[in-house]
Amino acid sequence: MGPELNAVITGASSAIGGAIATAIASTGAAVCLVGRNTARLEAVASKASPARALLIYEVDLTVDSAVEELVRQLKDKFGCIDILVNCAGIFSTGKIESTDVRELDALYAANVRLPFSLTQALIPLLRARAGQVVFINSSQGLQARATTSLYASTQHALKALADGLREEVNAEGIRVMSVYLGRTATARMKALYSIEGRKYRPELLLQPEDIAQMVMASLQLPRTAEVTRLEIRPLIKSY
């Protein structure tokens, strides 16, 4: 990786997306930070100063026209894409028996349709540079649990999209990786611990920087190799 690269990170205003964006920017690459909170995006941008160029897009990508506009801007500003990190998404809990189906619709829109639409639209820009696509998934994308099955179903769908995409584009030199995360010290996880009635001990959980380090190591592998599935868990289990 180097300063000539162009990277797009969705969910860049989150702890994990921000850490990945900062790590990529540290190589001098041009970085586009996409999220729904301008203040948080600007905070990430302030840590990503080594980047060759920094673009900030405060936008809700569950709106089709927003995806189309972002793609137009990326074509204009970057021309081609070397790295796409799909990190945007939402989370909720609830039993199947009592959860309104509209909750599933919202989860699907943010966790499946959004990364599908954006990735699909950017494939030509990725193809031009034999780029790399990263899907930030969850351990729930491998095994569903009680009260989180609706969320897990979207993560299983995201796994299927990534696996299918890999089969379609590997021959063109495009690498596709899914990262299945265990519990990570984020605001989302703090809220989940509160729902569960557990003591939140972030020091025992994965850190966003841990994830960024592993993603960077995978992205920087020689082109003779590809990491397809990366599972990361906290060493000491507090749940």
C-alpha atoms as a PDB file:
ATOM      1  CA  MET A   1       0.000   0.000   0.000  1.00  0.00           C
ATOM      2  CA  GLY A   2       1.157   3.512  -0.696  1.00  0.00           C
ATOM      3  CA  PRO A   3       0.231   7.124  -1.336  1.00  0.00           C
ATOM      4  CA  GLU A   4      -1.071   6.411  -4.845  1.00  0.00           C
ATOM      5  CA  LEU A   5      -3.995   4.350  -3.496  1.00  0.00           C
ATOM      6  CA  ASN A   6      -7.619   5.467  -3.151  1.00  0.00           C
ATOM      7  CA  ALA A   7      -9.795   4.062  -0.358  1.00  0.00           C
ATOM      8  CA  VAL A   8     -13.479   4.390   0.576  1.00  0.00           C
ATOM      9  CA  ILE A   9     -14.670   3.516   4.081  1.00  0.00           C
ATOM     10  CA  THR A  10     -18.367   3.478   4.966  1.00  0.00           C
ATOM     11  CA  GLY A  11     -19.307   3.697   8.619  1.00  0.00           C
ATOM     12  CA  ALA A  12     -16.181   5.792   9.055  1.00  0.00           C
ATOM     13  CA  SER A  13     -17.806   7.748  11.870  1.00  0.00           C
ATOM     14  CA  SER A  14     -17.938   4.571  13.992  1.00  0.00           C
ATOM     15  CA  ALA A  15     -15.094   3.405  16.222  1.00  0.00           C
ATOM     16  CA  ILE A  16     -14.168   0.466  13.995  1.00  0.00           C
ATOM     17  CA  GLY A  17     -14.589   2.273  10.677  1.00  0.00           C
ATOM     18  CA  GLY A  18     -12.672   5.249  12.018  1.00  0.00           C
ATOM     19  CA  ALA A  19      -9.780   3.072  13.177  1.00  0.00           C
ATOM     20  CA  ILE A  20      -9.551   1.355   9.796  1.00  0.00           C
ATOM     21  CA  ALA A  21      -9.724   4.690   7.971  1.00  0.00           C
ATOM     22  CA  THR A  22      -6.963   6.150  10.132  1.00  0.00           C
ATOM     23  CA  ALA A  23      -4.766   3.110   9.545  1.00  0.00           C
ATOM     24  CA  ILE A  24      -5.205   3.294   5.773  1.00  0.00           C
ATOM     25  CA  ALA A  25      -4.588   7.047   5.779  1.00  0.00           C
ATOM     26  CA  SER A  26      -1.318   6.474   7.650  1.00  0.00           C
ATOM     27  CA  THR A  27       0.100   4.962   4.435  1.00  0.00           C
ATOM     28  CA  GLY A  28      -0.495   8.251   2.619  1.00  0.00           C
ATOM     29  CA  ALA A  29      -3.429   6.928   0.607  1.00  0.00           C
ATOM     30  CA  ALA A  30      -6.319   9.169  -0.405  1.00  0.00           C
ATOM     31  CA  VAL A  31      -9.297   8.351   1.809  1.00  0.00           C
ATOM     32  CA  CYS A  32     -13.019   9.006   1.490  1.00  0.00           C
ATOM     33  CA  LEU A  33     -14.786   8.920   4.861  1.00  0.00           C
ATOM     34  CA  VAL A  34     -18.489   8.113   4.586  1.00  0.00           C
ATOM     35  CA  GLY A  35     -20.912   8.243   7.500  1.00  0.00           C
ATOM     36  CA  ARG A  36     -23.980   9.906   8.989  1.00  0.00           C
ATOM     37  CA  ASN A  37     -22.317  12.128  11.590  1.00  0.00           C
ATOM     38  CA  THR A  38     -20.237  15.036  10.308  1.00  0.00           C
ATOM     39  CA  ALA A  39     -18.660  15.842  13.667  1.00  0.00           C
ATOM     40  CA  ARG A  40     -17.408  12.284  14.095  1.00  0.00           C
ATOM     41  CA  LEU A  41     -16.171  12.142  10.516  1.00  0.00           C
ATOM     42  CA  GLU A  42     -14.234  15.355  11.064  1.00  0.00           C
ATOM     43  CA  ALA A  43     -12.758  13.888  14.256  1.00  0.00           C
ATOM     44  CA  VAL A  44     -11.534  10.876  12.282  1.00  0.00           C
ATOM     45  CA  ALA A  45     -10.212  13.164   9.555  1.00  0.00           C
ATOM     46  CA  SER A  46      -8.172  15.077  12.137  1.00  0.00           C
ATOM     47  CA  LYS A  47      -6.336  11.821  12.943  1.00  0.00           C
ATOM     48  CA  ALA A  48      -5.833  10.921   9.302  1.00  0.00           C
ATOM     49  CA  SER A  49      -3.652  13.877   8.327  1.00  0.00           C
ATOM     50  CA  PRO A  50      -0.955  11.825   6.543  1.00  0.00           C
ATOM     51  CA  ALA A  51      -3.503  10.974   3.835  1.00  0.00           C
ATOM     52  CA  ARG A  52      -2.772  12.281   0.329  1.00  0.00           C
ATOM     53  CA  ALA A  53      -6.362  13.539   0.181  1.00  0.00           C
ATOM     54  CA  LEU A  54      -9.324  13.422   2.545  1.00  0.00           C
ATOM     55  CA  LEU A  55     -12.947  13.503   1.432  1.00  0.00           C
ATOM     56  CA  ILE A  56     -15.811  13.627   3.940  1.00  0.00           C
ATOM     57  CA  TYR A  57     -19.342  12.604   2.960  1.00  0.00           C
ATOM     58  CA  GLU A  58     -22.091  12.915   5.538  1.00  0.00           C
ATOM     59  CA  VAL A  59     -24.872  10.870   3.974  1.00  0.00           C
ATOM     60  CA  ASP A  60     -27.479   8.169   4.587  1.00  0.00           C
ATOM     61  CA  LEU A  61     -26.609   5.453   2.078  1.00  0.00           C
ATOM     62  CA  THR A  62     -29.853   3.582   2.636  1.00  0.00           C
ATOM     63  CA  VAL A  63     -31.262   6.175   0.208  1.00  0.00           C
ATOM     64  CA  ASP A  64     -30.615   5.067  -3.384  1.00  0.00           C
ATOM     65  CA  SER A  65     -30.052   8.587  -4.683  1.00  0.00           C
ATOM     66  CA  ALA A  66     -27.365   9.100  -2.028  1.00  0.00           C
ATOM     67  CA  VAL A  67     -25.470   6.044  -3.263  1.00  0.00           C
ATOM     68  CA  GLU A  68     -25.711   7.295  -6.845  1.00  0.00           C
ATOM     69  CA  GLU A  69     -24.403  10.727  -5.864  1.00  0.00           C
ATOM     70  CA  LEU A  70     -21.514   9.290  -3.852  1.00  0.00           C
ATOM     71  CA  VAL A  71     -20.486   7.103  -6.782  1.00  0.00           C
ATOM     72  CA  ARG A  72     -20.582  10.118  -9.108  1.00  0.00           C
ATOM     73  CA  GLN A  73     -18.387  12.059  -6.722  1.00  0.00           C
ATOM     74  CA  LEU A  74     -15.913   9.188  -6.405  1.00  0.00           C
ATOM     75  CA  LYS A  75     -15.657   8.851 -10.158  1.00  0.00           C
ATOM     76  CA  ASP A  76     -14.959  12.575 -10.382  1.00  0.00           C
ATOM     77  CA  LYS A  77     -12.514  12.843  -7.472  1.00  0.00           C
ATOM     78  CA  PHE A  78     -10.745   9.466  -7.576  1.00  0.00           C
ATOM     79  CA  GLY A  79     -11.483   7.917 -10.968  1.00  0.00           C
ATOM     80  CA  CYS A  80     -10.684   4.472  -9.602  1.00  0.00           C
ATOM     81  CA  ILE A  81     -10.843   2.708  -6.237  1.00  0.00           C
ATOM     82  CA  ASP A  82      -8.201   0.450  -4.683  1.00  0.00           C
ATOM     83  CA  ILE A  83      -9.939  -0.345  -1.397  1.00  0.00           C
ATOM     84  CA  LEU A  84     -13.594  -0.417  -0.383  1.00  0.00           C
ATOM     85  CA  VAL A  85     -14.370  -1.119   3.269  1.00  0.00           C
ATOM     86  CA  ASN A  86     -18.041  -1.806   4.001  1.00  0.00           C
ATOM     87  CA  CYS A  87     -18.349  -1.002   7.700  1.00  0.00           C
ATOM     88  CA  ALA A  88     -21.702   0.779   7.886  1.00  0.00           C
ATOM     89  CA  GLY A  89     -24.613  -0.994   9.566  1.00  0.00           C
ATOM     90  CA  ILE A  90     -27.096  -1.038  12.414  1.00  0.00           C
ATOM     91  CA  PHE A  91     -27.849  -3.433  15.258  1.00  0.00           C
ATOM     92  CA  SER A  92     -30.905  -4.346  17.273  1.00  0.00           C
ATOM     93  CA  THR A  93     -32.128  -7.067  19.598  1.00  0.00           C
ATOM     94  CA  GLY A  94     -35.485  -8.716  20.059  1.00  0.00           C
ATOM     95  CA  LYS A  95     -37.213 -12.072  20.042  1.00  0.00           C
ATOM     96  CA  ILE A  96     -38.667 -13.348  16.779  1.00  0.00           C
ATOM     97  CA  GLU A  97     -42.071 -13.768  18.429  1.00  0.00           C
ATOM     98  CA  SER A  98     -42.403 -10.132  19.451  1.00  0.00           C
ATOM     99  CA  THR A  99     -40.296  -8.059  17.035  1.00  0.00           C
ATOM    100  CA  ASP A 100     -42.096  -6.009  14.411  1.00  0.00           C
ATOM    101  CA  VAL A 101     -41.205  -7.094  10.880  1.00  0.00           C
ATOM    102  CA  ARG A 102     -40.371  -3.463  10.100  1.00  0.00           C
ATOM    103  CA  GLU A 103     -37.303  -3.872  12.308  1.00  0.00           C
ATOM    104  CA  LEU A 104     -36.111  -6.596   9.975  1.00  0.00           C
ATOM    105  CA  ASP A 105     -36.749  -4.294   7.020  1.00  0.00           C
ATOM    106  CA  ALA A 106     -34.578  -1.578   8.586  1.00  0.00           C
ATOM    107  CA  LEU A 107     -31.779  -4.026   9.386  1.00  0.00           C
ATOM    108  CA  TYR A 108     -31.877  -5.430   5.870  1.00  0.00           C
ATOM    109  CA  ALA A 109     -31.761  -1.971   4.289  1.00  0.00           C
ATOM    110  CA  ALA A 110     -28.688  -0.905   6.264  1.00  0.00           C
ATOM    111  CA  ASN A 111     -26.803  -4.181   6.576  1.00  0.00           C
ATOM    112  CA  VAL A 112     -27.449  -5.910   3.256  1.00  0.00           C
ATOM    113  CA  ARG A 113     -28.962  -3.633   0.630  1.00  0.00           C
ATOM    114  CA  LEU A 114     -26.609  -0.736   1.354  1.00  0.00           C
ATOM    115  CA  PRO A 115     -23.317  -2.662   0.964  1.00  0.00           C
ATOM    116  CA  PHE A 116     -24.750  -4.522  -2.027  1.00  0.00           C
ATOM    117  CA  SER A 117     -25.761  -1.321  -3.831  1.00  0.00           C
ATOM    118  CA  LEU A 118     -22.522   0.528  -3.159  1.00  0.00           C
ATOM    119  CA  THR A 119     -20.239  -2.403  -3.939  1.00  0.00           C
ATOM    120  CA  GLN A 120     -22.147  -3.167  -7.128  1.00  0.00           C
ATOM    121  CA  ALA A 121     -21.830   0.440  -8.284  1.00  0.00           C
ATOM    122  CA  LEU A 122     -18.099   0.591  -7.508  1.00  0.00           C
ATOM    123  CA  ILE A 123     -17.048  -2.676  -9.160  1.00  0.00           C
ATOM    124  CA  PRO A 124     -15.982  -0.890 -12.382  1.00  0.00           C
ATOM    125  CA  LEU A 125     -13.786   1.483 -10.349  1.00  0.00           C
ATOM    126  CA  LEU A 126     -12.335  -1.437  -8.393  1.00  0.00           C
ATOM    127  CA  ARG A 127     -11.755  -3.455 -11.547  1.00  0.00           C
ATOM    128  CA  ALA A 128      -9.620  -0.667 -13.016  1.00  0.00           C
ATOM    129  CA  ARG A 129      -7.044  -1.176 -10.247  1.00  0.00           C
ATOM    130  CA  ALA A 130      -7.630  -4.838  -9.280  1.00  0.00           C
ATOM    131  CA  GLY A 131      -8.897  -3.487  -5.976  1.00  0.00           C
ATOM    132  CA  GLN A 132      -9.842  -5.018  -2.655  1.00  0.00           C
ATOM    133  CA  VAL A 133     -13.201  -5.197  -0.878  1.00  0.00           C
ATOM    134  CA  VAL A 134     -13.597  -5.680   2.871  1.00  0.00           C
ATOM    135  CA  PHE A 135     -16.907  -6.565   4.510  1.00  0.00           C
ATOM    136  CA  ILE A 136     -16.927  -5.949   8.259  1.00  0.00           C
ATOM    137  CA  ASN A 137     -19.230  -8.684   9.527  1.00  0.00           C
ATOM    138  CA  SER A 138     -19.916 -10.175  12.962  1.00  0.00           C
ATOM    139  CA  SER A 139     -19.549 -13.485  14.744  1.00  0.00           C
ATOM    140  CA  GLN A 140     -23.323 -13.536  14.363  1.00  0.00           C
ATOM    141  CA  GLY A 141     -22.762 -13.876  10.646  1.00  0.00           C
ATOM    142  CA  LEU A 142     -21.521 -17.376  11.411  1.00  0.00           C
ATOM    143  CA  GLN A 143     -23.849 -18.396  14.230  1.00  0.00           C
ATOM    144  CA  ALA A 144     -27.103 -16.754  15.293  1.00  0.00           C
ATOM    145  CA  ARG A 145     -28.072 -16.397  18.937  1.00  0.00           C
ATOM    146  CA  ALA A 146     -31.301 -15.858  20.835  1.00  0.00           C
ATOM    147  CA  THR A 147     -32.720 -12.294  20.669  1.00  0.00           C
ATOM    148  CA  THR A 148     -30.309 -11.268  17.897  1.00  0.00           C
ATOM    149  CA  SER A 149     -31.500 -13.566  15.124  1.00  0.00           C
ATOM    150  CA  LEU A 150     -32.910 -10.757  12.967  1.00  0.00           C
ATOM    151  CA  TYR A 151     -29.574  -8.953  13.029  1.00  0.00           C
ATOM    152  CA  ALA A 152     -27.758 -12.265  12.513  1.00  0.00           C
ATOM    153  CA  SER A 153     -29.870 -13.043   9.464  1.00  0.00           C
ATOM    154  CA  THR A 154     -28.584  -9.880   7.791  1.00  0.00           C
ATOM    155  CA  GLN A 155     -24.999 -10.805   8.660  1.00  0.00           C
ATOM    156  CA  HIS A 156     -25.492 -14.262   7.162  1.00  0.00           C
ATOM    157  CA  ALA A 157     -26.794 -12.550   4.024  1.00  0.00           C
ATOM    158  CA  LEU A 158     -23.740 -10.263   4.000  1.00  0.00           C
ATOM    159  CA  LYS A 159     -21.508 -13.344   4.183  1.00  0.00           C
ATOM    160  CA  ALA A 160     -23.294 -14.800   1.162  1.00  0.00           C
ATOM    161  CA  LEU A 161     -22.827 -11.574  -0.802  1.00  0.00           C
ATOM    162  CA  ALA A 162     -19.125 -11.496  -0.023  1.00  0.00           C
ATOM    163  CA  ASP A 163     -18.593 -15.158  -0.848  1.00  0.00           C
ATOM    164  CA  GLY A 164     -20.491 -14.871  -4.112  1.00  0.00           C
ATOM    165  CA  LEU A 165     -18.708 -11.672  -5.105  1.00  0.00           C
ATOM    166  CA  ARG A 166     -15.346 -13.314  -4.496  1.00  0.00           C
ATOM    167  CA  GLU A 167     -16.213 -16.140  -6.870  1.00  0.00           C
ATOM    168  CA  GLU A 168     -17.253 -13.602  -9.503  1.00  0.00           C
ATOM    169  CA  VAL A 169     -14.307 -11.191  -9.386  1.00  0.00           C
ATOM    170  CA  ASN A 170     -11.258 -13.140  -8.183  1.00  0.00           C
ATOM    171  CA  ALA A 171     -10.283 -13.944 -11.762  1.00  0.00           C
ATOM    172  CA  GLU A 172      -9.957 -10.191 -12.372  1.00  0.00           C
ATOM    173  CA  GLY A 173      -7.528  -9.837  -9.490  1.00  0.00           C
ATOM    174  CA  ILE A 174     -10.028  -8.337  -7.031  1.00  0.00           C
ATOM    175  CA  ARG A 175      -9.663  -9.636  -3.481  1.00  0.00           C
ATOM    176  CA  VAL A 176     -12.701  -9.934  -1.190  1.00  0.00           C
ATOM    177  CA  MET A 177     -12.435 -10.440   2.575  1.00  0.00           C
ATOM    178  CA  SER A 178     -15.023 -10.861   5.316  1.00  0.00           C
ATOM    179  CA  VAL A 179     -14.062  -9.981   8.888  1.00  0.00           C
ATOM    180  CA  TYR A 180     -16.124 -11.698  11.596  1.00  0.00           C
ATOM    181  CA  LEU A 181     -15.804  -9.735  14.810  1.00  0.00           C
ATOM    182  CA  GLY A 182     -16.372 -10.811  18.360  1.00  0.00           C
ATOM    183  CA  ARG A 183     -17.341  -8.300  21.009  1.00  0.00           C
ATOM    184  CA  THR A 184     -15.539  -5.002  20.504  1.00  0.00           C
ATOM    185  CA  ALA A 185     -15.222  -1.940  22.740  1.00  0.00           C
ATOM    186  CA  THR A 186     -17.693   0.389  20.991  1.00  0.00           C
ATOM    187  CA  ALA A 187     -20.730   2.468  21.941  1.00  0.00           C
ATOM    188  CA  ARG A 188     -22.941  -0.221  20.381  1.00  0.00           C
ATOM    189  CA  MET A 189     -21.418  -2.867  22.614  1.00  0.00           C
ATOM    190  CA  LYS A 190     -21.776  -0.706  25.708  1.00  0.00           C
ATOM    191  CA  ALA A 191     -25.491  -0.400  24.975  1.00  0.00           C
ATOM    192  CA  LEU A 192     -25.780  -4.167  24.465  1.00  0.00           C
ATOM    193  CA  TYR A 193     -24.163  -4.865  27.836  1.00  0.00           C
ATOM    194  CA  SER A 194     -26.702  -2.539  29.429  1.00  0.00           C
ATOM    195  CA  ILE A 195     -29.552  -4.460  27.776  1.00  0.00           C
ATOM    196  CA  GLU A 196     -28.064  -7.731  29.001  1.00  0.00           C
ATOM    197  CA  GLY A 197     -27.601  -6.377  32.521  1.00  0.00           C
ATOM    198  CA  ARG A 198     -23.860  -7.101  32.410  1.00  0.00           C
ATOM    199  CA  LYS A 199     -20.983  -4.974  33.634  1.00  0.00           C
ATOM    200  CA  TYR A 200     -19.295  -3.338  30.678  1.00  0.00           C
ATOM    201  CA  ARG A 201     -15.528  -3.874  30.803  1.00  0.00           C
ATOM    202  CA  PRO A 202     -14.130  -2.506  27.536  1.00  0.00           C
ATOM    203  CA  GLU A 203     -10.563  -3.402  28.490  1.00  0.00           C
ATOM    204  CA  LEU A 204     -11.483  -7.090  28.113  1.00  0.00           C
ATOM    205  CA  LEU A 205     -12.973  -6.680  24.650  1.00  0.00           C
ATOM    206  CA  LEU A 206     -11.457  -6.329  21.214  1.00  0.00           C
ATOM    207  CA  GLN A 207     -10.220  -2.817  20.516  1.00  0.00           C
ATOM    208  CA  PRO A 208     -11.020  -1.047  17.231  1.00  0.00           C
ATOM    209  CA  GLU A 209      -7.286  -0.657  16.656  1.00  0.00           C
ATOM    210  CA  ASP A 210      -6.850  -4.453  16.908  1.00  0.00           C
ATOM    211  CA  ILE A 211      -9.272  -4.876  14.033  1.00  0.00           C
ATOM    212  CA  ALA A 212      -7.636  -2.132  11.972  1.00  0.00           C
ATOM    213  CA  GLN A 213      -4.239  -3.769  12.425  1.00  0.00           C
ATOM    214  CA  MET A 214      -5.487  -7.139  11.154  1.00  0.00           C
ATOM    215  CA  VAL A 215      -7.338  -5.581   8.212  1.00  0.00           C
ATOM    216  CA  MET A 216      -4.209  -3.678   7.225  1.00  0.00           C
ATOM    217  CA  ALA A 217      -2.061  -6.810   7.432  1.00  0.00           C
ATOM    218  CA  SER A 218      -4.479  -8.611   5.119  1.00  0.00           C
ATOM    219  CA  LEU A 219      -4.692  -5.738   2.636  1.00  0.00           C
ATOM    220  CA  GLN A 220      -0.910  -5.546   2.432  1.00  0.00           C
ATOM    221  CA  LEU A 221      -0.372  -9.212   1.611  1.00  0.00           C
ATOM    222  CA  PRO A 222       1.451  -9.951  -1.650  1.00  0.00           C
ATOM    223  CA  ARG A 223      -0.863 -10.675  -4.563  1.00  0.00           C
ATOM    224  CA  THR A 224       0.002 -14.362  -4.382  1.00  0.00           C
ATOM    225  CA  ALA A 225      -2.338 -14.637  -1.377  1.00  0.00           C
ATOM    226  CA  GLU A 226      -5.820 -13.647  -0.250  1.00  0.00           C
ATOM    227  CA  VAL A 227      -7.460 -13.673   3.178  1.00  0.00           C
ATOM    228  CA  THR A 228     -11.072 -14.644   2.574  1.00  0.00           C
ATOM    229  CA  ARG A 229     -12.350 -15.080   6.119  1.00  0.00           C
ATOM    230  CA  LEU A 230     -10.891 -13.462   9.218  1.00  0.00           C
ATOM    231  CA  GLU A 231     -12.337 -14.274  12.655  1.00  0.00           C
ATOM    232  CA  ILE A 232     -11.273 -12.161  15.623  1.00  0.00           C
ATOM    233  CA  ARG A 233     -12.347 -12.716  19.234  1.00  0.00           C
ATOM    234  CA  PRO A 234     -11.429 -11.206  22.597  1.00  0.00           C
ATOM    235  CA  LEU A 235      -8.754 -13.283  24.292  1.00  0.00           C
ATOM    236  CA  ILE A 236     -10.470 -13.148  27.697  1.00  0.00           C
ATOM    237  CA  LYS A 237     -14.207 -13.759  27.540  1.00  0.00           C
ATOM    238  CA  SER A 238     -16.325 -11.445  29.721  1.00  0.00           C
ATOM    239  CA  TYR A 239     -19.675 -12.700  28.462  1.00  0.00           C
END
